[in-house]
PDB file of all heavy atoms in Angstrom:
ATOM      1  N   VAL A   1       0.854  -1.186   0.019  1.00  0.00           N
ATOM      2  CA  VAL A   1       0.068   0.025   0.020  1.00  0.00           C
ATOM      3  C   VAL A   1       0.893   1.226   0.014  1.00  0.00           C
ATOM      4  O   VAL A   1       0.615   2.245  -0.699  1.00  0.00           O
ATOM      5  CB  VAL A   1      -0.836  -0.051   1.214  1.00  0.00           C
ATOM      6  CG1 VAL A   1      -1.764   1.246   1.206  1.00  0.00           C
ATOM      7  CG2 VAL A   1      -1.884  -1.240   1.218  1.00  0.00           C
ATOM      8  N   LYS A   2       1.934   1.257   0.758  1.00  0.00           N
ATOM      9  CA  LYS A   2       2.822   2.336   0.824  1.00  0.00           C
ATOM     10  C   LYS A   2       3.705   2.544  -0.347  1.00  0.00           C
ATOM     11  O   LYS A   2       4.096   3.590  -0.769  1.00  0.00           O
ATOM     12  CB  LYS A   2       3.762   2.312   2.175  1.00  0.00           C
ATOM     13  CG  LYS A   2       2.812   2.500   3.411  1.00  0.00           C
ATOM     14  CD  LYS A   2       2.098   3.817   3.546  1.00  0.00           C
ATOM     15  CE  LYS A   2       0.690   3.773   3.032  1.00  0.00           C
ATOM     16  NZ  LYS A   2       0.028   5.106   3.266  1.00  0.00           N
ATOM     17  N   ALA A   3       4.053   1.312  -1.035  1.00  0.00           N
ATOM     18  CA  ALA A   3       4.826   1.386  -2.260  1.00  0.00           C
ATOM     19  C   ALA A   3       3.969   2.032  -3.289  1.00  0.00           C
ATOM     20  O   ALA A   3       4.487   2.865  -4.151  1.00  0.00           O
ATOM     21  CB  ALA A   3       5.188  -0.059  -2.565  1.00  0.00           C
ATOM     22  N   LEU A   4       2.541   1.682  -3.372  1.00  0.00           N
ATOM     23  CA  LEU A   4       1.772   2.341  -4.311  1.00  0.00           C
ATOM     24  C   LEU A   4       1.697   3.709  -4.084  1.00  0.00           C
ATOM     25  O   LEU A   4       1.841   4.621  -5.065  1.00  0.00           O
ATOM     26  CB  LEU A   4       0.360   1.743  -4.109  1.00  0.00           C
ATOM     27  CG  LEU A   4      -0.728   2.336  -5.045  1.00  0.00           C
ATOM     28  CD1 LEU A   4      -0.472   2.192  -6.482  1.00  0.00           C
ATOM     29  CD2 LEU A   4      -2.142   1.971  -4.600  1.00  0.00           C
ATOM     30  N   GLU A   5       1.529   4.252  -2.893  1.00  0.00           N
ATOM     31  CA  GLU A   5       1.562   5.649  -2.614  1.00  0.00           C
ATOM     32  C   GLU A   5       2.827   6.310  -3.058  1.00  0.00           C
ATOM     33  O   GLU A   5       2.756   7.384  -3.641  1.00  0.00           O
ATOM     34  CB  GLU A   5       1.379   5.887  -1.066  1.00  0.00           C
ATOM     35  CG  GLU A   5       1.443   7.347  -0.706  1.00  0.00           C
ATOM     36  CD  GLU A   5       1.353   7.589   0.790  1.00  0.00           C
ATOM     37  OE1 GLU A   5       0.677   6.966   1.535  1.00  0.00           O
ATOM     38  OE2 GLU A   5       2.047   8.514   1.315  1.00  0.00           O
ATOM     39  N   THR A   6       3.890   5.669  -2.798  1.00  0.00           N
ATOM     40  CA  THR A   6       5.199   6.186  -3.167  1.00  0.00           C
ATOM     41  C   THR A   6       5.255   6.527  -4.712  1.00  0.00           C
ATOM     42  O   THR A   6       5.584   7.540  -5.195  1.00  0.00           O
ATOM     43  CB  THR A   6       6.359   5.274  -2.851  1.00  0.00           C
ATOM     44  OG1 THR A   6       6.438   5.258  -1.414  1.00  0.00           O
ATOM     45  CG2 THR A   6       7.657   5.830  -3.251  1.00  0.00           C
ATOM     46  N   MET A   7       4.825   5.535  -5.394  1.00  0.00           N
ATOM     47  CA  MET A   7       4.882   5.557  -6.913  1.00  0.00           C
ATOM     48  C   MET A   7       3.846   6.526  -7.475  1.00  0.00           C
ATOM     49  O   MET A   7       4.123   7.296  -8.445  1.00  0.00           O
ATOM     50  CB  MET A   7       4.799   4.184  -7.545  1.00  0.00           C
ATOM     51  CG  MET A   7       5.856   3.241  -7.381  1.00  0.00           C
ATOM     52  SD  MET A   7       5.699   1.578  -7.995  1.00  0.00           S
ATOM     53  CE  MET A   7       4.395   0.888  -7.004  1.00  0.00           C
ATOM     54  N   VAL A   8       2.664   6.615  -6.828  1.00  0.00           N
ATOM     55  CA  VAL A   8       1.631   7.515  -7.301  1.00  0.00           C
ATOM     56  C   VAL A   8       1.974   9.013  -7.086  1.00  0.00           C
ATOM     57  O   VAL A   8       1.896   9.790  -7.952  1.00  0.00           O
ATOM     58  CB  VAL A   8       0.248   7.201  -6.705  1.00  0.00           C
ATOM     59  CG1 VAL A   8      -0.726   8.282  -6.923  1.00  0.00           C
ATOM     60  CG2 VAL A   8      -0.255   5.888  -7.128  1.00  0.00           C
ATOM     61  N   GLN A   9       2.403   9.187  -5.804  1.00  0.00           N
ATOM     62  CA  GLN A   9       2.787  10.594  -5.479  1.00  0.00           C
ATOM     63  C   GLN A   9       4.042  11.109  -6.153  1.00  0.00           C
ATOM     64  O   GLN A   9       4.263  12.338  -6.213  1.00  0.00           O
ATOM     65  CB  GLN A   9       3.076  10.655  -3.947  1.00  0.00           C
ATOM     66  CG  GLN A   9       1.700  10.476  -3.141  1.00  0.00           C
ATOM     67  CD  GLN A   9       0.670  11.484  -3.485  1.00  0.00           C
ATOM     68  OE1 GLN A   9       0.947  12.706  -3.576  1.00  0.00           O
ATOM     69  NE2 GLN A   9      -0.563  11.083  -3.602  1.00  0.00           N
ATOM     70  N   THR A  10       4.940  10.224  -6.729  1.00  0.00           N
ATOM     71  CA  THR A  10       6.061  10.668  -7.482  1.00  0.00           C
ATOM     72  C   THR A  10       5.880  10.474  -8.859  1.00  0.00           C
ATOM     73  O   THR A  10       6.852  10.581  -9.648  1.00  0.00           O
ATOM     74  CB  THR A  10       7.325   9.815  -6.980  1.00  0.00           C
ATOM     75  OG1 THR A  10       7.073   8.417  -7.124  1.00  0.00           O
ATOM     76  CG2 THR A  10       7.703  10.158  -5.489  1.00  0.00           C
ATOM     77  N   ASN A  11       4.660  10.264  -9.322  1.00  0.00           N
ATOM     78  CA  ASN A  11       4.286  10.114 -10.750  1.00  0.00           C
ATOM     79  C   ASN A  11       5.181   9.078 -11.480  1.00  0.00           C
ATOM     80  O   ASN A  11       5.695   9.414 -12.619  1.00  0.00           O
ATOM     81  CB  ASN A  11       4.375  11.542 -11.370  1.00  0.00           C
ATOM     82  CG  ASN A  11       3.359  12.449 -10.836  1.00  0.00           C
ATOM     83  OD1 ASN A  11       2.211  12.138 -10.783  1.00  0.00           O
ATOM     84  ND2 ASN A  11       3.824  13.656 -10.554  1.00  0.00           N
ATOM     85  N   SER A  12       5.431   7.938 -10.878  1.00  0.00           N
ATOM     86  CA  SER A  12       6.307   7.009 -11.493  1.00  0.00           C
ATOM     87  C   SER A  12       5.879   5.624 -11.432  1.00  0.00           C
ATOM     88  O   SER A  12       6.666   4.656 -11.518  1.00  0.00           O
ATOM     89  CB  SER A  12       7.619   7.023 -10.641  1.00  0.00           C
ATOM     90  OG  SER A  12       7.480   6.802  -9.244  1.00  0.00           O
ATOM     91  N   LEU A  13       4.526   5.459 -11.438  1.00  0.00           N
ATOM     92  CA  LEU A  13       3.947   4.104 -11.472  1.00  0.00           C
ATOM     93  C   LEU A  13       4.141   3.453 -12.836  1.00  0.00           C
ATOM     94  O   LEU A  13       3.580   4.013 -13.837  1.00  0.00           O
ATOM     95  CB  LEU A  13       2.507   4.103 -10.999  1.00  0.00           C
ATOM     96  CG  LEU A  13       1.712   2.829 -10.928  1.00  0.00           C
ATOM     97  CD1 LEU A  13       2.333   1.918  -9.823  1.00  0.00           C
ATOM     98  CD2 LEU A  13       0.235   3.003 -10.675  1.00  0.00           C
ATOM     99  N   PRO A  14       4.844   2.355 -12.962  1.00  0.00           N
ATOM    100  CA  PRO A  14       5.140   1.878 -14.219  1.00  0.00           C
ATOM    101  C   PRO A  14       4.241   0.819 -14.771  1.00  0.00           C
ATOM    102  O   PRO A  14       4.233   0.337 -15.816  1.00  0.00           O
ATOM    103  CB  PRO A  14       6.662   1.207 -14.049  1.00  0.00           C
ATOM    104  CG  PRO A  14       6.572   0.823 -12.660  1.00  0.00           C
ATOM    105  CD  PRO A  14       5.649   1.834 -11.945  1.00  0.00           C
ATOM    106  N   CYS A  15       3.309   0.246 -13.890  1.00  0.00           N
ATOM    107  CA  CYS A  15       2.293  -0.795 -14.133  1.00  0.00           C
ATOM    108  C   CYS A  15       0.999  -0.473 -13.552  1.00  0.00           C
ATOM    109  O   CYS A  15       0.830   0.395 -12.682  1.00  0.00           O
ATOM    110  CB  CYS A  15       2.802  -2.133 -13.563  1.00  0.00           C
ATOM    111  SG  CYS A  15       4.411  -2.721 -13.947  1.00  0.00           S
ATOM    112  N   ASN A  16       0.007  -1.212 -14.115  1.00  0.00           N
ATOM    113  CA  ASN A  16      -1.314  -1.139 -13.451  1.00  0.00           C
ATOM    114  C   ASN A  16      -1.217  -2.063 -12.256  1.00  0.00           C
ATOM    115  O   ASN A  16      -0.556  -3.043 -12.318  1.00  0.00           O
ATOM    116  CB  ASN A  16      -2.391  -1.680 -14.448  1.00  0.00           C
ATOM    117  CG  ASN A  16      -2.375  -0.896 -15.755  1.00  0.00           C
ATOM    118  OD1 ASN A  16      -2.431   0.400 -15.772  1.00  0.00           O
ATOM    119  ND2 ASN A  16      -2.297  -1.638 -16.817  1.00  0.00           N
ATOM    120  N   VAL A  17      -1.863  -1.529 -11.188  1.00  0.00           N
ATOM    121  CA  VAL A  17      -1.803  -2.374  -9.947  1.00  0.00           C
ATOM    122  C   VAL A  17      -3.272  -2.723  -9.352  1.00  0.00           C
ATOM    123  O   VAL A  17      -4.143  -1.800  -9.448  1.00  0.00           O
ATOM    124  CB  VAL A  17      -1.023  -1.682  -8.865  1.00  0.00           C
ATOM    125  CG1 VAL A  17      -0.910  -2.535  -7.598  1.00  0.00           C
ATOM    126  CG2 VAL A  17       0.376  -1.237  -9.328  1.00  0.00           C
ATOM    127  N   LYS A  18      -3.561  -3.884  -9.006  1.00  0.00           N
ATOM    128  CA  LYS A  18      -4.736  -4.295  -8.458  1.00  0.00           C
ATOM    129  C   LYS A  18      -4.393  -4.961  -7.089  1.00  0.00           C
ATOM    130  O   LYS A  18      -3.284  -5.453  -6.860  1.00  0.00           O
ATOM    131  CB  LYS A  18      -5.472  -5.325  -9.258  1.00  0.00           C
ATOM    132  CG  LYS A  18      -5.930  -4.708 -10.618  1.00  0.00           C
ATOM    133  CD  LYS A  18      -6.696  -5.778 -11.405  1.00  0.00           C
ATOM    134  CE  LYS A  18      -7.218  -5.216 -12.692  1.00  0.00           C
ATOM    135  NZ  LYS A  18      -7.978  -6.223 -13.530  1.00  0.00           N
ATOM    136  N   PHE A  19      -5.315  -4.652  -6.104  1.00  0.00           N
ATOM    137  CA  PHE A  19      -5.139  -5.361  -4.700  1.00  0.00           C
ATOM    138  C   PHE A  19      -6.333  -6.247  -4.471  1.00  0.00           C
ATOM    139  O   PHE A  19      -7.599  -5.923  -4.648  1.00  0.00           O
ATOM    140  CB  PHE A  19      -5.128  -4.241  -3.718  1.00  0.00           C
ATOM    141  CG  PHE A  19      -3.846  -3.451  -3.650  1.00  0.00           C
ATOM    142  CD1 PHE A  19      -3.474  -2.394  -4.573  1.00  0.00           C
ATOM    143  CD2 PHE A  19      -2.827  -3.711  -2.722  1.00  0.00           C
ATOM    144  CE1 PHE A  19      -2.394  -1.650  -4.522  1.00  0.00           C
ATOM    145  CE2 PHE A  19      -1.707  -3.037  -2.609  1.00  0.00           C
ATOM    146  CZ  PHE A  19      -1.422  -2.008  -3.569  1.00  0.00           C
ATOM    147  N   LEU A  20      -6.129  -7.345  -3.860  1.00  0.00           N
ATOM    148  CA  LEU A  20      -7.060  -8.295  -3.370  1.00  0.00           C
ATOM    149  C   LEU A  20      -6.637  -8.668  -1.960  1.00  0.00           C
ATOM    150  O   LEU A  20      -5.770  -9.501  -1.652  1.00  0.00           O
ATOM    151  CB  LEU A  20      -7.169  -9.591  -4.257  1.00  0.00           C
ATOM    152  CG  LEU A  20      -8.148 -10.623  -3.742  1.00  0.00           C
ATOM    153  CD1 LEU A  20      -9.559 -10.058  -3.598  1.00  0.00           C
ATOM    154  CD2 LEU A  20      -8.118 -11.832  -4.640  1.00  0.00           C
ATOM    155  N   ILE A  21      -7.268  -8.018  -1.006  1.00  0.00           N
ATOM    156  CA  ILE A  21      -6.925  -8.250   0.460  1.00  0.00           C
ATOM    157  C   ILE A  21      -8.124  -8.922   1.137  1.00  0.00           C
ATOM    158  O   ILE A  21      -9.175  -8.296   1.353  1.00  0.00           O
ATOM    159  CB  ILE A  21      -6.609  -6.839   1.093  1.00  0.00           C
ATOM    160  CG1 ILE A  21      -5.626  -5.973   0.277  1.00  0.00           C
ATOM    161  CG2 ILE A  21      -6.042  -7.122   2.551  1.00  0.00           C
ATOM    162  CD1 ILE A  21      -4.310  -6.690   0.034  1.00  0.00           C
ATOM    163  N   GLU A  22      -7.935 -10.159   1.471  1.00  0.00           N
ATOM    164  CA  GLU A  22      -9.036 -10.983   2.049  1.00  0.00           C
ATOM    165  C   GLU A  22      -9.012 -11.015   3.579  1.00  0.00           C
ATOM    166  O   GLU A  22      -8.040 -10.634   4.224  1.00  0.00           O
ATOM    167  CB  GLU A  22      -9.112 -12.356   1.422  1.00  0.00           C
ATOM    168  CG  GLU A  22      -7.970 -13.230   1.893  1.00  0.00           C
ATOM    169  CD  GLU A  22      -8.325 -14.688   1.844  1.00  0.00           C
ATOM    170  OE1 GLU A  22      -9.477 -15.102   2.093  1.00  0.00           O
ATOM    171  OE2 GLU A  22      -7.452 -15.508   1.475  1.00  0.00           O
ATOM    172  N   GLY A  23     -10.118 -11.520   4.119  1.00  0.00           N
ATOM    173  CA  GLY A  23     -10.213 -11.631   5.604  1.00  0.00           C
ATOM    174  C   GLY A  23     -10.315 -13.007   6.121  1.00  0.00           C
ATOM    175  O   GLY A  23     -10.849 -13.283   7.256  1.00  0.00           O
ATOM    176  N   GLU A  24      -9.948 -14.029   5.320  1.00  0.00           N
ATOM    177  CA  GLU A  24     -10.195 -15.453   5.756  1.00  0.00           C
ATOM    178  C   GLU A  24      -9.052 -16.317   5.521  1.00  0.00           C
ATOM    179  O   GLU A  24      -9.178 -17.609   5.562  1.00  0.00           O
ATOM    180  CB  GLU A  24     -11.494 -15.971   5.073  1.00  0.00           C
ATOM    181  CG  GLU A  24     -12.741 -15.277   5.406  1.00  0.00           C
ATOM    182  CD  GLU A  24     -13.974 -15.981   4.781  1.00  0.00           C
ATOM    183  OE1 GLU A  24     -13.884 -16.458   3.740  1.00  0.00           O
ATOM    184  OE2 GLU A  24     -15.061 -15.761   5.395  1.00  0.00           O
ATOM    185  N   GLU A  25      -7.873 -15.755   5.268  1.00  0.00           N
ATOM    186  CA  GLU A  25      -6.703 -16.689   5.008  1.00  0.00           C
ATOM    187  C   GLU A  25      -6.411 -17.549   6.156  1.00  0.00           C
ATOM    188  O   GLU A  25      -6.043 -18.786   6.031  1.00  0.00           O
ATOM    189  CB  GLU A  25      -5.491 -15.814   4.653  1.00  0.00           C
ATOM    190  CG  GLU A  25      -4.393 -16.617   3.898  1.00  0.00           C
ATOM    191  CD  GLU A  25      -3.372 -17.251   4.885  1.00  0.00           C
ATOM    192  OE1 GLU A  25      -3.458 -16.940   6.073  1.00  0.00           O
ATOM    193  OE2 GLU A  25      -2.593 -18.097   4.490  1.00  0.00           O
ATOM    194  N   GLU A  26      -6.506 -17.048   7.256  1.00  0.00           N
ATOM    195  CA  GLU A  26      -6.100 -17.827   8.485  1.00  0.00           C
ATOM    196  C   GLU A  26      -7.082 -18.919   8.899  1.00  0.00           C
ATOM    197  O   GLU A  26      -6.854 -19.828   9.746  1.00  0.00           O
ATOM    198  CB  GLU A  26      -5.964 -16.915   9.712  1.00  0.00           C
ATOM    199  CG  GLU A  26      -4.835 -15.860   9.568  1.00  0.00           C
ATOM    200  CD  GLU A  26      -3.369 -16.421   9.535  1.00  0.00           C
ATOM    201  OE1 GLU A  26      -3.248 -17.786   9.412  1.00  0.00           O
ATOM    202  OE2 GLU A  26      -2.456 -15.683   9.552  1.00  0.00           O
ATOM    203  N   VAL A  27      -8.202 -19.029   8.163  1.00  0.00           N
ATOM    204  CA  VAL A  27      -9.166 -20.024   8.375  1.00  0.00           C
ATOM    205  C   VAL A  27      -9.396 -20.797   7.024  1.00  0.00           C
ATOM    206  O   VAL A  27     -10.386 -21.522   6.797  1.00  0.00           O
ATOM    207  CB  VAL A  27     -10.554 -19.522   8.862  1.00  0.00           C
ATOM    208  CG1 VAL A  27     -10.348 -18.966  10.312  1.00  0.00           C
ATOM    209  CG2 VAL A  27     -11.194 -18.442   7.989  1.00  0.00           C
ATOM    210  N   GLY A  28      -8.464 -20.738   6.088  1.00  0.00           N
ATOM    211  CA  GLY A  28      -8.507 -21.629   4.951  1.00  0.00           C
ATOM    212  C   GLY A  28      -9.106 -20.905   3.670  1.00  0.00           C
ATOM    213  O   GLY A  28      -9.424 -21.627   2.795  1.00  0.00           O
ATOM    214  N   SER A  29      -9.445 -19.650   3.810  1.00  0.00           N
ATOM    215  CA  SER A  29     -10.063 -18.888   2.646  1.00  0.00           C
ATOM    216  C   SER A  29     -11.194 -19.641   2.116  1.00  0.00           C
ATOM    217  O   SER A  29     -11.350 -19.881   0.847  1.00  0.00           O
ATOM    218  CB  SER A  29      -9.015 -18.675   1.480  1.00  0.00           C
ATOM    219  OG  SER A  29      -7.856 -18.096   2.084  1.00  0.00           O
ATOM    220  N   PRO A  30     -12.254 -19.893   2.914  1.00  0.00           N
ATOM    221  CA  PRO A  30     -13.415 -20.859   2.430  1.00  0.00           C
ATOM    222  C   PRO A  30     -14.184 -20.091   1.425  1.00  0.00           C
ATOM    223  O   PRO A  30     -14.922 -20.807   0.671  1.00  0.00           O
ATOM    224  CB  PRO A  30     -14.181 -21.027   3.711  1.00  0.00           C
ATOM    225  CG  PRO A  30     -13.809 -19.917   4.708  1.00  0.00           C
ATOM    226  CD  PRO A  30     -12.391 -19.588   4.345  1.00  0.00           C
ATOM    227  N   ASN A  31     -14.233 -18.772   1.337  1.00  0.00           N
ATOM    228  CA  ASN A  31     -15.167 -18.052   0.388  1.00  0.00           C
ATOM    229  C   ASN A  31     -14.378 -17.323  -0.765  1.00  0.00           C
ATOM    230  O   ASN A  31     -14.989 -16.881  -1.608  1.00  0.00           O
ATOM    231  CB  ASN A  31     -15.968 -17.110   1.075  1.00  0.00           C
ATOM    232  CG  ASN A  31     -17.002 -17.722   2.122  1.00  0.00           C
ATOM    233  OD1 ASN A  31     -17.857 -18.369   1.749  1.00  0.00           O
ATOM    234  ND2 ASN A  31     -16.692 -17.481   3.382  1.00  0.00           N
ATOM    235  N   LEU A  32     -13.141 -17.523  -0.757  1.00  0.00           N
ATOM    236  CA  LEU A  32     -12.275 -16.876  -1.740  1.00  0.00           C
ATOM    237  C   LEU A  32     -12.512 -17.444  -3.164  1.00  0.00           C
ATOM    238  O   LEU A  32     -12.575 -16.728  -4.165  1.00  0.00           O
ATOM    239  CB  LEU A  32     -10.776 -16.891  -1.440  1.00  0.00           C
ATOM    240  CG  LEU A  32      -9.995 -15.894  -2.348  1.00  0.00           C
ATOM    241  CD1 LEU A  32     -10.400 -14.529  -2.219  1.00  0.00           C
ATOM    242  CD2 LEU A  32      -8.435 -16.118  -1.954  1.00  0.00           C
ATOM    243  N   ALA A  33     -12.634 -18.851  -3.236  1.00  0.00           N
ATOM    244  CA  ALA A  33     -12.754 -19.487  -4.524  1.00  0.00           C
ATOM    245  C   ALA A  33     -13.960 -18.904  -5.295  1.00  0.00           C
ATOM    246  O   ALA A  33     -14.052 -18.699  -6.442  1.00  0.00           O
ATOM    247  CB  ALA A  33     -12.856 -20.959  -4.293  1.00  0.00           C
ATOM    248  N   THR A  34     -15.125 -18.814  -4.488  1.00  0.00           N
ATOM    249  CA  THR A  34     -16.402 -18.283  -5.074  1.00  0.00           C
ATOM    250  C   THR A  34     -16.273 -16.950  -5.651  1.00  0.00           C
ATOM    251  O   THR A  34     -16.675 -16.583  -6.667  1.00  0.00           O
ATOM    252  CB  THR A  34     -17.442 -18.371  -3.884  1.00  0.00           C
ATOM    253  OG1 THR A  34     -17.724 -19.676  -3.477  1.00  0.00           O
ATOM    254  CG2 THR A  34     -18.865 -17.897  -4.473  1.00  0.00           C
ATOM    255  N   PHE A  35     -15.530 -16.048  -4.835  1.00  0.00           N
ATOM    256  CA  PHE A  35     -15.295 -14.717  -5.257  1.00  0.00           C
ATOM    257  C   PHE A  35     -14.517 -14.659  -6.553  1.00  0.00           C
ATOM    258  O   PHE A  35     -14.760 -13.919  -7.513  1.00  0.00           O
ATOM    259  CB  PHE A  35     -14.639 -13.978  -4.187  1.00  0.00           C
ATOM    260  CG  PHE A  35     -14.335 -12.558  -4.583  1.00  0.00           C
ATOM    261  CD1 PHE A  35     -15.284 -11.494  -4.462  1.00  0.00           C
ATOM    262  CD2 PHE A  35     -12.976 -12.147  -5.051  1.00  0.00           C
ATOM    263  CE1 PHE A  35     -14.981 -10.224  -4.842  1.00  0.00           C
ATOM    264  CE2 PHE A  35     -12.699 -10.814  -5.338  1.00  0.00           C
ATOM    265  CZ  PHE A  35     -13.688  -9.809  -5.324  1.00  0.00           C
ATOM    266  N   VAL A  36     -13.311 -15.457  -6.492  1.00  0.00           N
ATOM    267  CA  VAL A  36     -12.406 -15.417  -7.676  1.00  0.00           C
ATOM    268  C   VAL A  36     -13.232 -15.978  -8.982  1.00  0.00           C
ATOM    269  O   VAL A  36     -12.996 -15.335  -9.967  1.00  0.00           O
ATOM    270  CB  VAL A  36     -11.188 -16.230  -7.373  1.00  0.00           C
ATOM    271  CG1 VAL A  36     -10.319 -16.455  -8.626  1.00  0.00           C
ATOM    272  CG2 VAL A  36     -10.320 -15.592  -6.320  1.00  0.00           C
ATOM    273  N   LYS A  37     -13.855 -17.023  -8.830  1.00  0.00           N
ATOM    274  CA  LYS A  37     -14.578 -17.584 -10.027  1.00  0.00           C
ATOM    275  C   LYS A  37     -15.572 -16.621 -10.524  1.00  0.00           C
ATOM    276  O   LYS A  37     -15.840 -16.520 -11.762  1.00  0.00           O
ATOM    277  CB  LYS A  37     -15.290 -18.848  -9.572  1.00  0.00           C
ATOM    278  CG  LYS A  37     -14.269 -19.890  -9.407  1.00  0.00           C
ATOM    279  CD  LYS A  37     -15.033 -21.279  -8.812  1.00  0.00           C
ATOM    280  CE  LYS A  37     -14.090 -22.297  -8.482  1.00  0.00           C
ATOM    281  NZ  LYS A  37     -14.743 -23.568  -7.879  1.00  0.00           N
ATOM    282  N   ALA A  38     -16.124 -15.822  -9.679  1.00  0.00           N
ATOM    283  CA  ALA A  38     -17.307 -14.817 -10.088  1.00  0.00           C
ATOM    284  C   ALA A  38     -16.732 -13.587 -10.626  1.00  0.00           C
ATOM    285  O   ALA A  38     -17.452 -12.708 -11.094  1.00  0.00           O
ATOM    286  CB  ALA A  38     -18.244 -14.632  -8.892  1.00  0.00           C
ATOM    287  N   ASN A  39     -15.419 -13.308 -10.431  1.00  0.00           N
ATOM    288  CA  ASN A  39     -14.820 -12.001 -10.754  1.00  0.00           C
ATOM    289  C   ASN A  39     -13.617 -12.074 -11.557  1.00  0.00           C
ATOM    290  O   ASN A  39     -12.601 -11.404 -11.328  1.00  0.00           O
ATOM    291  CB  ASN A  39     -14.579 -11.213  -9.413  1.00  0.00           C
ATOM    292  CG  ASN A  39     -15.849 -10.884  -8.832  1.00  0.00           C
ATOM    293  OD1 ASN A  39     -16.547  -9.827  -9.123  1.00  0.00           O
ATOM    294  ND2 ASN A  39     -16.245 -11.631  -7.725  1.00  0.00           N
ATOM    295  N   LYS A  40     -13.535 -13.115 -12.495  1.00  0.00           N
ATOM    296  CA  LYS A  40     -12.269 -13.205 -13.289  1.00  0.00           C
ATOM    297  C   LYS A  40     -11.914 -12.012 -14.011  1.00  0.00           C
ATOM    298  O   LYS A  40     -10.799 -11.715 -14.153  1.00  0.00           O
ATOM    299  CB  LYS A  40     -12.467 -14.442 -14.141  1.00  0.00           C
ATOM    300  CG  LYS A  40     -12.638 -15.772 -13.441  1.00  0.00           C
ATOM    301  CD  LYS A  40     -12.610 -16.929 -14.409  1.00  0.00           C
ATOM    302  CE  LYS A  40     -12.689 -18.279 -13.734  1.00  0.00           C
ATOM    303  NZ  LYS A  40     -12.718 -19.414 -14.613  1.00  0.00           N
ATOM    304  N   ALA A  41     -12.802 -11.335 -14.638  1.00  0.00           N
ATOM    305  CA  ALA A  41     -12.521 -10.115 -15.434  1.00  0.00           C
ATOM    306  C   ALA A  41     -12.052  -8.989 -14.477  1.00  0.00           C
ATOM    307  O   ALA A  41     -11.081  -8.309 -14.817  1.00  0.00           O
ATOM    308  CB  ALA A  41     -13.820  -9.663 -16.121  1.00  0.00           C
TER     309      ALA A  41
END
């Protein structure tokens, strides 16, 4: 997140960036597969 800020604020972002920050990794990501399959685009 802070690396993104650094690049945006210095007008030097060389790539498009997307973030996927989930809230269930520590319990096995039970709902992530459904989300990913429904949001491939």
